[in-house]
Amino acid sequence: MESPLGPLSEADRELLGRVALAVARRRMIAPAIVFLESLRPLSYLGSQAMLFLRPFLKDIGSLFLREKTPDVLAEQYERVAAILERREGVEALLRALEAVSHMSLDELRALVQARKSQ
């Protein structure tokens, strides 16, 4: 079932890929997949909780590149919340997590380094 907002854009998929890489760097792919699968029916509520908790989260930068300004980080955080509000957003994040779970540690490191150099 497609959202009335239309399909996810390439920029949305790129952002979810970066979130998946951040999860992979912390070696939390399996718990993240279990969490997302179990709460898939409640994705809208989860995204609203993310928006509610945003003012209380001091270390948003750990999810994204540290050299970005707080305004850019807050914008990306809100984009992730808006994406996860949609069922296809949760599905896309699950696919991104599964894709990085099949990569070797060396491949992950190379991908992270390539993204840092951009």
Protein backbone atom coordinates (compact mmCIF):
# COMPACT_ATOMS: atom_id res chain seq x y z
CA MET A 1 0.00 0.00 0.00
CA GLU A 2 1.54 3.25 -1.14
CA SER A 3 1.39 6.39 0.96
CA PRO A 4 -0.70 9.34 -0.22
CA LEU A 5 2.60 11.23 -0.13
CA GLY A 6 3.91 9.07 -2.97
CA PRO A 7 6.94 6.79 -3.04
CA LEU A 8 10.10 7.55 -1.11
CA SER A 9 12.57 9.78 -2.92
CA GLU A 10 16.19 8.87 -3.59
CA ALA A 11 17.21 11.41 -0.93
CA ASP A 12 15.00 9.59 1.58
CA ARG A 13 16.55 6.24 0.68
CA GLU A 14 20.05 7.75 0.95
CA LEU A 15 19.24 9.07 4.43
CA LEU A 16 17.92 5.65 5.50
CA GLY A 17 21.11 4.10 4.12
CA ARG A 18 23.15 6.41 6.36
CA VAL A 19 21.01 5.44 9.35
CA ALA A 20 21.57 1.76 8.49
CA LEU A 21 25.34 2.36 8.33
CA ALA A 22 25.25 4.09 11.72
CA VAL A 23 23.43 1.06 13.16
CA ALA A 24 25.93 -1.31 11.50
CA ARG A 25 28.92 0.60 12.92
CA ARG A 26 27.46 -0.01 16.38
CA ARG A 27 26.87 -3.69 15.54
CA MET A 28 23.18 -3.37 16.39
CA ILE A 29 21.66 -4.61 13.12
CA ALA A 30 19.92 -7.70 14.52
CA PRO A 31 18.29 -5.86 17.47
CA ALA A 32 17.25 -3.03 15.15
CA ILE A 33 15.61 -5.44 12.69
CA VAL A 34 13.76 -7.27 15.49
CA PHE A 35 12.64 -3.94 16.96
CA LEU A 36 11.40 -2.57 13.64
CA GLU A 37 9.67 -5.82 12.67
CA SER A 38 7.87 -6.07 16.00
CA LEU A 39 6.73 -2.45 15.99
CA ARG A 40 5.92 -2.12 12.30
CA PRO A 41 2.16 -1.69 12.92
CA LEU A 42 2.94 1.17 15.31
CA SER A 43 5.30 3.04 12.99
CA TYR A 44 3.21 6.22 13.04
CA LEU A 45 3.23 6.35 16.83
CA GLY A 46 6.95 5.69 16.90
CA SER A 47 7.66 8.56 14.53
CA GLN A 48 5.51 10.85 16.66
CA ALA A 49 7.46 9.75 19.74
CA MET A 50 10.68 10.66 17.89
CA LEU A 51 9.32 14.15 17.29
CA PHE A 52 8.23 14.46 20.91
CA LEU A 53 11.64 13.38 22.23
CA ARG A 54 13.69 15.54 19.85
CA PRO A 55 14.15 18.45 22.30
CA PHE A 56 15.40 16.04 24.95
CA LEU A 57 18.00 14.35 22.78
CA LYS A 58 21.34 16.05 23.19
CA ASP A 59 23.46 13.68 21.11
CA ILE A 60 21.62 13.59 17.78
CA GLY A 61 24.98 14.05 16.07
CA SER A 62 25.99 10.48 16.86
CA LEU A 63 23.51 9.28 14.20
CA PHE A 64 24.88 11.50 11.46
CA LEU A 65 28.08 13.24 10.45
CA ARG A 66 29.53 15.24 13.33
CA GLU A 67 30.72 18.17 11.25
CA LYS A 68 27.20 19.28 10.37
CA THR A 69 25.51 22.13 12.16
CA PRO A 70 22.77 21.47 14.76
CA ASP A 71 20.14 22.89 12.38
CA VAL A 72 21.09 20.39 9.67
CA LEU A 73 21.06 17.54 12.21
CA ALA A 74 17.63 18.56 13.48
CA GLU A 75 16.33 18.71 9.90
CA GLN A 76 17.67 15.21 9.15
CA TYR A 77 16.21 13.87 12.40
CA GLU A 78 12.80 15.27 11.45
CA ARG A 79 13.13 13.77 7.95
CA VAL A 80 13.87 10.34 9.43
CA ALA A 81 10.82 10.70 11.71
CA ALA A 82 8.65 11.68 8.73
CA ILE A 83 9.97 8.77 6.66
CA LEU A 84 9.37 6.24 9.46
CA GLU A 85 5.83 7.56 9.83
CA ARG A 86 5.09 5.86 6.52
CA ARG A 87 4.86 2.07 6.28
CA GLU A 88 7.09 2.00 3.20
CA GLY A 89 9.67 4.02 5.15
CA VAL A 90 9.96 1.30 7.78
CA GLU A 91 10.18 -1.30 5.02
CA ALA A 92 12.91 0.68 3.25
CA LEU A 93 14.92 0.97 6.48
CA LEU A 94 14.57 -2.78 7.04
CA ARG A 95 15.85 -3.42 3.49
CA ALA A 96 18.78 -1.05 4.07
CA LEU A 97 19.64 -2.80 7.33
CA GLU A 98 19.48 -6.21 5.67
CA ALA A 99 21.70 -4.97 2.82
CA VAL A 100 24.43 -3.75 5.17
CA SER A 101 24.12 -6.90 7.29
CA HIS A 102 25.46 -8.89 4.32
CA MET A 103 28.56 -6.71 4.00
CA SER A 104 31.89 -7.66 5.49
CA LEU A 105 33.51 -5.42 8.09
CA ASP A 106 36.05 -4.23 5.50
CA GLU A 107 33.28 -3.33 3.05
CA LEU A 108 31.48 -1.36 5.77
CA ARG A 109 34.64 0.52 6.69
CA ALA A 110 35.29 1.38 3.04
CA LEU A 111 31.71 2.60 2.59
CA VAL A 112 31.88 4.74 5.73
CA GLN A 113 35.21 6.24 4.61
CA ALA A 114 33.79 6.97 1.16
CA ARG A 115 30.81 8.78 2.67
CA LYS A 116 33.04 10.78 4.99
CA SER A 117 35.15 11.98 2.07
CA GLN A 118 32.07 13.29 0.18
